[in-house]
């Protein structure tokens, strides 16, 4: 059942997740409901079973965490230089702007001040913002595979706390 989920549902959910942060909350909720329904079917749970333990049991990220996961994986590729060259100078670091002063957040990406909620949802703002808010111990994982494991474990921990 999990293999069917991965092939029939997860592949669609993980497609274009970098830009899915900009969709409306109602549409995100609709997609999340479909995913929850699928996880209940996989586990044979009742229609109103709580899904957080089911996601943890099967090591599957809920849709909102899946969006964050793909954004952070992309920002990891930007940070460590294996992203496409067209993204090379898209975001500046704080130390690029203030080279003469040493700042505590010098390695964070410089964010424009958002004036609207729509801009906060845009990829230009949300991707570096998610990276800046990530725990420093996870950011320092330079290897893509170890970063992927640490990030998924971190996001699954967030599910347990909720």
C-alpha atoms as a PDB file:
ATOM      1  CA  UNK A   1       0.000   0.000   0.000  1.00  0.00           C
ATOM      2  CA  UNK A   2       2.847   2.369   0.791  1.00  0.00           C
ATOM      3  CA  UNK A   3       4.405   1.736  -2.616  1.00  0.00           C
ATOM      4  CA  UNK A   4       1.070   2.578  -4.236  1.00  0.00           C
ATOM      5  CA  UNK A   5       0.902   5.764  -2.180  1.00  0.00           C
ATOM      6  CA  UNK A   6       4.428   6.738  -3.229  1.00  0.00           C
ATOM      7  CA  UNK A   7       3.747   6.148  -6.907  1.00  0.00           C
ATOM      8  CA  UNK A   8       0.176   7.387  -7.260  1.00  0.00           C
ATOM      9  CA  UNK A   9      -0.139  10.178  -4.697  1.00  0.00           C
ATOM     10  CA  UNK A  10       3.249  11.309  -3.412  1.00  0.00           C
ATOM     11  CA  UNK A  11       4.615  11.824  -6.903  1.00  0.00           C
ATOM     12  CA  UNK A  12       1.814  14.306  -7.619  1.00  0.00           C
ATOM     13  CA  UNK A  13       2.133  16.000  -4.240  1.00  0.00           C
ATOM     14  CA  UNK A  14       5.863  16.530  -4.575  1.00  0.00           C
ATOM     15  CA  UNK A  15       5.577  17.944  -8.088  1.00  0.00           C
ATOM     16  CA  UNK A  16       6.049  21.747  -8.151  1.00  0.00           C
ATOM     17  CA  UNK A  17       6.166  22.094  -4.383  1.00  0.00           C
ATOM     18  CA  UNK A  18       8.602  25.001  -4.680  1.00  0.00           C
ATOM     19  CA  UNK A  19       5.836  27.225  -5.989  1.00  0.00           C
ATOM     20  CA  UNK A  20       2.945  25.661  -4.074  1.00  0.00           C
ATOM     21  CA  UNK A  21       3.591  27.948  -1.120  1.00  0.00           C
ATOM     22  CA  UNK A  22       1.921  30.726  -3.110  1.00  0.00           C
ATOM     23  CA  UNK A  23      -1.449  28.967  -3.470  1.00  0.00           C
ATOM     24  CA  UNK A  24      -4.324  29.916  -1.215  1.00  0.00           C
ATOM     25  CA  UNK A  25      -4.702  28.356   2.211  1.00  0.00           C
ATOM     26  CA  UNK A  26      -8.010  26.838   1.174  1.00  0.00           C
ATOM     27  CA  UNK A  27      -6.422  25.031  -1.779  1.00  0.00           C
ATOM     28  CA  UNK A  28      -3.545  23.832   0.410  1.00  0.00           C
ATOM     29  CA  UNK A  29      -6.070  22.506   2.879  1.00  0.00           C
ATOM     30  CA  UNK A  30      -7.910  20.632   0.118  1.00  0.00           C
ATOM     31  CA  UNK A  31      -4.701  18.934  -0.989  1.00  0.00           C
ATOM     32  CA  UNK A  32      -3.787  18.102   2.618  1.00  0.00           C
ATOM     33  CA  UNK A  33      -7.215  16.511   3.157  1.00  0.00           C
ATOM     34  CA  UNK A  34      -6.684  14.253   0.148  1.00  0.00           C
ATOM     35  CA  UNK A  35      -3.295  13.214   1.514  1.00  0.00           C
ATOM     36  CA  UNK A  36      -4.797  12.514   4.944  1.00  0.00           C
ATOM     37  CA  UNK A  37      -7.531  10.430   3.364  1.00  0.00           C
ATOM     38  CA  UNK A  38      -4.875   8.425   1.502  1.00  0.00           C
ATOM     39  CA  UNK A  39      -2.787   7.817   4.624  1.00  0.00           C
ATOM     40  CA  UNK A  40      -5.894   6.571   6.446  1.00  0.00           C
ATOM     41  CA  UNK A  41      -6.617   4.172   3.585  1.00  0.00           C
ATOM     42  CA  UNK A  42      -3.015   2.890   3.613  1.00  0.00           C
ATOM     43  CA  UNK A  43      -3.157   2.124   7.313  1.00  0.00           C
ATOM     44  CA  UNK A  44      -6.727   0.868   7.357  1.00  0.00           C
ATOM     45  CA  UNK A  45      -7.674   3.509   9.923  1.00  0.00           C
ATOM     46  CA  UNK A  46     -11.113   4.940  10.502  1.00  0.00           C
ATOM     47  CA  UNK A  47     -12.222   8.006   8.548  1.00  0.00           C
ATOM     48  CA  UNK A  48     -11.685  10.290  11.546  1.00  0.00           C
ATOM     49  CA  UNK A  49      -8.416   8.846  12.896  1.00  0.00           C
ATOM     50  CA  UNK A  50      -5.743  11.359  13.880  1.00  0.00           C
ATOM     51  CA  UNK A  51      -3.154  11.416  11.106  1.00  0.00           C
ATOM     52  CA  UNK A  52      -0.010  12.698  12.873  1.00  0.00           C
ATOM     53  CA  UNK A  53       0.880   9.264  14.316  1.00  0.00           C
ATOM     54  CA  UNK A  54       0.145   7.668  10.945  1.00  0.00           C
ATOM     55  CA  UNK A  55       2.529  10.032   9.145  1.00  0.00           C
ATOM     56  CA  UNK A  56       5.217   9.278  11.733  1.00  0.00           C
ATOM     57  CA  UNK A  57       4.641   5.537  11.566  1.00  0.00           C
ATOM     58  CA  UNK A  58       5.174   5.481   7.797  1.00  0.00           C
ATOM     59  CA  UNK A  59       7.850   8.210   7.697  1.00  0.00           C
ATOM     60  CA  UNK A  60       5.747  10.372   5.365  1.00  0.00           C
ATOM     61  CA  UNK A  61       5.724  14.167   5.495  1.00  0.00           C
ATOM     62  CA  UNK A  62       2.357  15.962   5.540  1.00  0.00           C
ATOM     63  CA  UNK A  63       1.758  18.330   2.633  1.00  0.00           C
ATOM     64  CA  UNK A  64       2.728  21.536   4.431  1.00  0.00           C
ATOM     65  CA  UNK A  65       5.983  19.941   5.624  1.00  0.00           C
ATOM     66  CA  UNK A  66       6.584  18.527   2.142  1.00  0.00           C
ATOM     67  CA  UNK A  67       6.515  22.073   0.765  1.00  0.00           C
ATOM     68  CA  UNK A  68       9.028  23.227   3.387  1.00  0.00           C
ATOM     69  CA  UNK A  69      11.184  20.163   2.686  1.00  0.00           C
ATOM     70  CA  UNK A  70      11.438  20.874  -1.027  1.00  0.00           C
ATOM     71  CA  UNK A  71      12.111  24.576  -0.423  1.00  0.00           C
ATOM     72  CA  UNK A  72      14.944  23.794   1.977  1.00  0.00           C
ATOM     73  CA  UNK A  73      16.413  21.172  -0.327  1.00  0.00           C
ATOM     74  CA  UNK A  74      16.518  23.775  -3.080  1.00  0.00           C
ATOM     75  CA  UNK A  75      18.078  26.380  -0.779  1.00  0.00           C
ATOM     76  CA  UNK A  76      20.694  23.804   0.235  1.00  0.00           C
ATOM     77  CA  UNK A  77      21.653  23.525  -3.421  1.00  0.00           C
ATOM     78  CA  UNK A  78      21.925  27.331  -3.594  1.00  0.00           C
ATOM     79  CA  UNK A  79      23.964  27.525  -0.384  1.00  0.00           C
ATOM     80  CA  UNK A  80      26.458  24.840  -1.350  1.00  0.00           C
ATOM     81  CA  UNK A  81      26.728  25.664  -5.049  1.00  0.00           C
ATOM     82  CA  UNK A  82      25.194  22.751  -6.904  1.00  0.00           C
ATOM     83  CA  UNK A  83      22.088  24.600  -8.103  1.00  0.00           C
ATOM     84  CA  UNK A  84      21.784  25.680 -11.728  1.00  0.00           C
ATOM     85  CA  UNK A  85      24.000  28.662 -12.551  1.00  0.00           C
ATOM     86  CA  UNK A  86      20.960  30.803 -13.338  1.00  0.00           C
ATOM     87  CA  UNK A  87      20.198  30.972  -9.590  1.00  0.00           C
ATOM     88  CA  UNK A  88      23.739  31.952  -8.632  1.00  0.00           C
ATOM     89  CA  UNK A  89      23.117  35.589  -7.683  1.00  0.00           C
ATOM     90  CA  UNK A  90      19.393  35.487  -6.955  1.00  0.00           C
ATOM     91  CA  UNK A  91      19.774  36.008  -3.201  1.00  0.00           C
ATOM     92  CA  UNK A  92      22.520  37.943  -1.454  1.00  0.00           C
ATOM     93  CA  UNK A  93      23.944  37.126   1.948  1.00  0.00           C
ATOM     94  CA  UNK A  94      23.971  39.610   4.814  1.00  0.00           C
ATOM     95  CA  UNK A  95      27.772  39.602   4.798  1.00  0.00           C
ATOM     96  CA  UNK A  96      27.737  40.672   1.113  1.00  0.00           C
ATOM     97  CA  UNK A  97      25.986  43.876   2.089  1.00  0.00           C
ATOM     98  CA  UNK A  98      27.910  44.633   5.293  1.00  0.00           C
ATOM     99  CA  UNK A  99      31.383  43.305   4.587  1.00  0.00           C
ATOM    100  CA  UNK A 100      33.061  45.836   6.887  1.00  0.00           C
ATOM    101  CA  UNK A 101      31.064  44.734   9.964  1.00  0.00           C
ATOM    102  CA  UNK A 102      30.783  41.245  11.367  1.00  0.00           C
ATOM    103  CA  UNK A 103      27.164  40.347  11.966  1.00  0.00           C
ATOM    104  CA  UNK A 104      25.799  37.378  13.922  1.00  0.00           C
ATOM    105  CA  UNK A 105      23.505  36.556  10.993  1.00  0.00           C
ATOM    106  CA  UNK A 106      26.146  37.165   8.333  1.00  0.00           C
ATOM    107  CA  UNK A 107      25.559  33.770   6.721  1.00  0.00           C
ATOM    108  CA  UNK A 108      21.805  34.269   6.431  1.00  0.00           C
ATOM    109  CA  UNK A 109      20.232  35.409   3.198  1.00  0.00           C
ATOM    110  CA  UNK A 110      19.281  39.049   2.921  1.00  0.00           C
ATOM    111  CA  UNK A 111      15.498  39.460   2.831  1.00  0.00           C
ATOM    112  CA  UNK A 112      13.554  42.315   1.344  1.00  0.00           C
ATOM    113  CA  UNK A 113      11.061  43.869   3.737  1.00  0.00           C
ATOM    114  CA  UNK A 114       7.660  42.440   2.725  1.00  0.00           C
ATOM    115  CA  UNK A 115       4.823  44.917   2.340  1.00  0.00           C
ATOM    116  CA  UNK A 116       2.108  42.436   1.430  1.00  0.00           C
ATOM    117  CA  UNK A 117       1.143  38.911   2.393  1.00  0.00           C
ATOM    118  CA  UNK A 118       1.318  37.927  -1.273  1.00  0.00           C
ATOM    119  CA  UNK A 119       5.019  38.789  -1.367  1.00  0.00           C
ATOM    120  CA  UNK A 120       5.611  36.728   1.784  1.00  0.00           C
ATOM    121  CA  UNK A 121       4.218  33.699  -0.066  1.00  0.00           C
ATOM    122  CA  UNK A 122       6.349  34.280  -3.164  1.00  0.00           C
ATOM    123  CA  UNK A 123       9.343  32.035  -3.752  1.00  0.00           C
ATOM    124  CA  UNK A 124      11.650  35.050  -3.819  1.00  0.00           C
ATOM    125  CA  UNK A 125      10.872  35.681  -0.141  1.00  0.00           C
ATOM    126  CA  UNK A 126       9.705  32.341   1.286  1.00  0.00           C
ATOM    127  CA  UNK A 127      12.685  30.221   0.193  1.00  0.00           C
ATOM    128  CA  UNK A 128      15.442  32.281   1.867  1.00  0.00           C
ATOM    129  CA  UNK A 129      13.158  32.951   4.845  1.00  0.00           C
ATOM    130  CA  UNK A 130      12.720  29.207   5.448  1.00  0.00           C
ATOM    131  CA  UNK A 131      16.492  28.732   5.141  1.00  0.00           C
ATOM    132  CA  UNK A 132      17.212  31.555   7.605  1.00  0.00           C
ATOM    133  CA  UNK A 133      14.762  30.034  10.121  1.00  0.00           C
ATOM    134  CA  UNK A 134      16.245  26.539   9.875  1.00  0.00           C
ATOM    135  CA  UNK A 135      18.215  25.222  12.854  1.00  0.00           C
ATOM    136  CA  UNK A 136      21.944  25.967  12.459  1.00  0.00           C
ATOM    137  CA  UNK A 137      22.987  22.352  13.071  1.00  0.00           C
ATOM    138  CA  UNK A 138      21.012  21.201  10.058  1.00  0.00           C
ATOM    139  CA  UNK A 139      22.252  24.032   7.823  1.00  0.00           C
ATOM    140  CA  UNK A 140      25.847  22.953   8.355  1.00  0.00           C
ATOM    141  CA  UNK A 141      25.255  19.551   6.731  1.00  0.00           C
ATOM    142  CA  UNK A 142      27.165  20.071   3.481  1.00  0.00           C
ATOM    143  CA  UNK A 143      26.519  16.621   2.059  1.00  0.00           C
ATOM    144  CA  UNK A 144      23.162  16.546   0.293  1.00  0.00           C
ATOM    145  CA  UNK A 145      22.202  13.082   1.529  1.00  0.00           C
ATOM    146  CA  UNK A 146      22.992  13.742   5.190  1.00  0.00           C
ATOM    147  CA  UNK A 147      21.187  17.076   4.918  1.00  0.00           C
ATOM    148  CA  UNK A 148      18.146  15.308   3.475  1.00  0.00           C
ATOM    149  CA  UNK A 149      18.088  12.806   6.353  1.00  0.00           C
ATOM    150  CA  UNK A 150      18.578  15.475   9.031  1.00  0.00           C
ATOM    151  CA  UNK A 151      15.935  17.721   7.489  1.00  0.00           C
ATOM    152  CA  UNK A 152      13.342  14.974   7.236  1.00  0.00           C
ATOM    153  CA  UNK A 153      14.011  13.936  10.847  1.00  0.00           C
ATOM    154  CA  UNK A 154      13.660  17.575  11.936  1.00  0.00           C
ATOM    155  CA  UNK A 155      10.356  18.005  10.099  1.00  0.00           C
ATOM    156  CA  UNK A 156       9.003  14.729  11.485  1.00  0.00           C
ATOM    157  CA  UNK A 157       9.929  15.951  14.988  1.00  0.00           C
ATOM    158  CA  UNK A 158       7.797  19.033  14.330  1.00  0.00           C
ATOM    159  CA  UNK A 159       4.844  16.735  13.647  1.00  0.00           C
ATOM    160  CA  UNK A 160       5.321  15.036  17.024  1.00  0.00           C
ATOM    161  CA  UNK A 161       5.358  18.400  18.809  1.00  0.00           C
ATOM    162  CA  UNK A 162       2.107  19.570  17.270  1.00  0.00           C
END
